[in-house]
C-alpha atoms as a PDB file:
ATOM      1  CA  ASP A   1      -8.633  18.151   7.556  1.00  0.00           C
ATOM      2  CA  ASP A   2      -9.783  15.114   9.448  1.00  0.00           C
ATOM      3  CA  ILE A   3      -6.870  12.892   8.490  1.00  0.00           C
ATOM      4  CA  VAL A   4      -8.105   9.797  10.319  1.00  0.00           C
ATOM      5  CA  ALA A   5     -11.538  10.022   8.627  1.00  0.00           C
ATOM      6  CA  GLU A   6      -9.791  10.260   5.268  1.00  0.00           C
ATOM      7  CA  VAL A   7      -7.524   7.302   6.074  1.00  0.00           C
ATOM      8  CA  LYS A   8     -10.651   5.336   7.075  1.00  0.00           C
ATOM      9  CA  ARG A   9     -12.367   6.242   3.799  1.00  0.00           C
ATOM     10  CA  LEU A  10      -9.333   5.175   1.780  1.00  0.00           C
ATOM     11  CA  THR A  11      -8.987   1.966   3.803  1.00  0.00           C
ATOM     12  CA  ASP A  12     -12.662   1.162   3.252  1.00  0.00           C
ATOM     13  CA  ARG A  13     -12.102   1.668  -0.477  1.00  0.00           C
ATOM     14  CA  GLU A  14      -9.042  -0.615  -0.512  1.00  0.00           C
ATOM     15  CA  LEU A  15     -10.907  -3.312   1.422  1.00  0.00           C
ATOM     16  CA  ALA A  16     -13.960  -2.985  -0.859  1.00  0.00           C
ATOM     17  CA  ASP A  17     -11.664  -3.465  -3.861  1.00  0.00           C
ATOM     18  CA  ARG A  18     -10.697  -6.762  -2.220  1.00  0.00           C
ATOM     19  CA  GLY A  19     -14.276  -7.895  -1.636  1.00  0.00           C
ATOM     20  CA  ARG A  20     -14.582  -6.744   1.978  1.00  0.00           C
ATOM     21  CA  SER A  21     -17.312  -4.438   3.277  1.00  0.00           C
ATOM     22  CA  GLU A  22     -18.059  -2.689   6.549  1.00  0.00           C
ATOM     23  CA  ALA A  23     -20.279  -4.619   8.958  1.00  0.00           C
ATOM     24  CA  ALA A  24     -21.911  -2.879  11.910  1.00  0.00           C
ATOM     25  CA  ASP A  25     -22.984  -6.142  13.546  1.00  0.00           C
ATOM     26  CA  GLU A  26     -20.623  -9.055  14.148  1.00  0.00           C
ATOM     27  CA  PRO A  27     -17.688  -7.941  11.988  1.00  0.00           C
ATOM     28  CA  ALA A  28     -15.093 -10.519  10.973  1.00  0.00           C
ATOM     29  CA  LEU A  29     -12.268  -7.969  11.067  1.00  0.00           C
ATOM     30  CA  LEU A  30     -11.455  -4.934  13.178  1.00  0.00           C
ATOM     31  CA  VAL A  31      -9.465  -2.048  11.724  1.00  0.00           C
ATOM     32  CA  TYR A  32      -7.315   0.233  13.877  1.00  0.00           C
ATOM     33  CA  TYR A  33      -5.721   3.456  12.679  1.00  0.00           C
ATOM     34  CA  GLY A  34      -2.862   5.461  14.077  1.00  0.00           C
ATOM     35  CA  VAL A  35      -1.432   8.751  12.848  1.00  0.00           C
ATOM     36  CA  GLY A  36       1.223  10.652  14.733  1.00  0.00           C
ATOM     37  CA  VAL A  37       4.272  12.841  14.987  1.00  0.00           C
ATOM     38  CA  ASP A  38       6.953  13.136  17.656  1.00  0.00           C
ATOM     39  CA  MET A  39       5.788  16.268  19.515  1.00  0.00           C
ATOM     40  CA  THR A  40       9.139  16.562  21.321  1.00  0.00           C
ATOM     41  CA  LEU A  41      10.429  18.051  18.064  1.00  0.00           C
ATOM     42  CA  MET A  42       8.282  21.179  18.418  1.00  0.00           C
ATOM     43  CA  ASN A  43      10.134  24.489  18.468  1.00  0.00           C
ATOM     44  CA  ILE A  44       8.967  27.918  19.547  1.00  0.00           C
ATOM     45  CA  ILE A  45       9.902  30.549  16.987  1.00  0.00           C
ATOM     46  CA  GLU A  46       9.376  34.286  16.947  1.00  0.00           C
ATOM     47  CA  ASN A  47       7.677  36.128  14.145  1.00  0.00           C
ATOM     48  CA  THR A  48       6.195  39.599  13.803  1.00  0.00           C
ATOM     49  CA  ALA A  49       2.883  38.418  15.288  1.00  0.00           C
ATOM     50  CA  GLY A  50       4.515  36.855  18.371  1.00  0.00           C
ATOM     51  CA  LYS A  51       5.424  33.335  19.335  1.00  0.00           C
ATOM     52  CA  ILE A  52       4.175  30.371  17.351  1.00  0.00           C
ATOM     53  CA  GLU A  53       4.934  26.680  17.472  1.00  0.00           C
ATOM     54  CA  ARG A  54       6.082  24.702  14.490  1.00  0.00           C
ATOM     55  CA  LEU A  55       7.826  21.445  13.712  1.00  0.00           C
ATOM     56  CA  ASP A  56      11.446  21.323  12.614  1.00  0.00           C
ATOM     57  CA  PRO A  57      11.964  20.716   8.892  1.00  0.00           C
ATOM     58  CA  GLY A  58      12.528  17.075   8.064  1.00  0.00           C
ATOM     59  CA  VAL A  59      10.293  15.805  10.874  1.00  0.00           C
ATOM     60  CA  LYS A  60       8.620  12.557   9.940  1.00  0.00           C
ATOM     61  CA  VAL A  61       4.973  11.770  10.438  1.00  0.00           C
ATOM     62  CA  GLY A  62       3.785   8.198  10.627  1.00  0.00           C
ATOM     63  CA  MET A  63       0.652   6.247   9.945  1.00  0.00           C
ATOM     64  CA  CYS A  64      -0.329   2.674  10.751  1.00  0.00           C
ATOM     65  CA  ILE A  65      -3.325   0.575   9.771  1.00  0.00           C
ATOM     66  CA  LEU A  66      -3.774  -2.651  11.738  1.00  0.00           C
ATOM     67  CA  ILE A  67      -6.276  -5.376  10.842  1.00  0.00           C
ATOM     68  CA  VAL A  68      -7.273  -7.800  13.566  1.00  0.00           C
ATOM     69  CA  ASP A  69      -9.462 -10.913  13.608  1.00  0.00           C
ATOM     70  CA  ALA A  70     -12.564  -9.810  15.537  1.00  0.00           C
ATOM     71  CA  ALA A  71     -13.113 -13.200  17.185  1.00  0.00           C
ATOM     72  CA  THR A  72      -9.575 -14.081  18.249  1.00  0.00           C
ATOM     73  CA  LYS A  73      -8.015 -10.585  18.342  1.00  0.00           C
ATOM     74  CA  ALA A  74      -5.082 -12.035  16.379  1.00  0.00           C
ATOM     75  CA  HIS A  75      -3.186  -9.492  14.297  1.00  0.00           C
ATOM     76  CA  LEU A  76      -3.679 -10.388  10.648  1.00  0.00           C
ATOM     77  CA  TRP A  77      -1.988  -7.522   8.827  1.00  0.00           C
ATOM     78  CA  ALA A  78      -0.314  -4.190   9.448  1.00  0.00           C
ATOM     79  CA  GLY A  79       0.555  -1.450   7.006  1.00  0.00           C
ATOM     80  CA  VAL A  80       2.842   1.427   7.893  1.00  0.00           C
ATOM     81  CA  ALA A  81       3.923   4.590   6.126  1.00  0.00           C
ATOM     82  CA  SER A  82       5.992   7.620   6.992  1.00  0.00           C
ATOM     83  CA  GLY A  83       6.753  10.902   5.308  1.00  0.00           C
ATOM     84  CA  ASP A  84       8.088  14.389   5.848  1.00  0.00           C
ATOM     85  CA  ILE A  85       5.925  17.192   7.200  1.00  0.00           C
ATOM     86  CA  GLU A  86       4.761  19.590   4.510  1.00  0.00           C
ATOM     87  CA  TRP A  87       4.741  23.199   5.668  1.00  0.00           C
ATOM     88  CA  ALA A  88       2.056  24.564   3.387  1.00  0.00           C
ATOM     89  CA  PRO A  89       0.061  21.558   2.277  1.00  0.00           C
ATOM     90  CA  THR A  90      -3.046  22.001   0.199  1.00  0.00           C
ATOM     91  CA  ASP A  91      -6.132  19.891   0.686  1.00  0.00           C
ATOM     92  CA  LYS A  92      -5.525  18.380  -2.748  1.00  0.00           C
ATOM     93  CA  GLY A  93      -1.856  17.716  -1.948  1.00  0.00           C
ATOM     94  CA  THR A  94      -2.735  16.082   1.350  1.00  0.00           C
ATOM     95  CA  GLN A  95      -5.379  13.966  -0.385  1.00  0.00           C
ATOM     96  CA  LYS A  96      -2.888  12.767  -3.007  1.00  0.00           C
ATOM     97  CA  ARG A  97      -0.261  11.916  -0.387  1.00  0.00           C
ATOM     98  CA  LEU A  98      -2.770   9.946   1.699  1.00  0.00           C
ATOM     99  CA  GLU A  99      -4.111   8.103  -1.354  1.00  0.00           C
ATOM    100  CA  TYR A 100      -0.568   7.171  -2.346  1.00  0.00           C
ATOM    101  CA  ALA A 101       0.414   6.047   1.182  1.00  0.00           C
ATOM    102  CA  VAL A 102      -2.691   3.946   1.811  1.00  0.00           C
ATOM    103  CA  GLY A 103      -2.512   2.440  -1.682  1.00  0.00           C
ATOM    104  CA  LYS A 104       1.153   1.486  -1.198  1.00  0.00           C
ATOM    105  CA  MET A 105       0.403  -0.043   2.202  1.00  0.00           C
ATOM    106  CA  PHE A 106      -2.357  -2.225   0.782  1.00  0.00           C
ATOM    107  CA  GLU A 107      -0.083  -3.617  -1.930  1.00  0.00           C
ATOM    108  CA  SER A 108       1.094  -6.048   0.755  1.00  0.00           C
ATOM    109  CA  PHE A 109      -2.424  -6.929   1.946  1.00  0.00           C
ATOM    110  CA  PRO A 110      -3.118 -10.668   1.567  1.00  0.00           C
ATOM    111  CA  GLU A 111      -5.776 -11.525  -0.992  1.00  0.00           C
END
């Protein structure tokens, strides 16, 4: 999955619901995305096929959406979310989790 592309799509939808649309030329707002996990929490484990890397259970992943005034570069709004890693996520499950997270973040977006 391209998580950032999906977060962008969901963000575009949330902004469109609030009367905002994407502008290629001279945008009023800039949108920055960040998705990450603390890679220091990787473990090497052995299985019958050899060594593989995986994250410890309970590791949190985080996501941030930052909206900035294009002219002044002033930060106007930030939304953040975090959650636990899912070990066997499905595309549908990932989609639902992202929709929920982005929707919750935008509940605090100023109208």
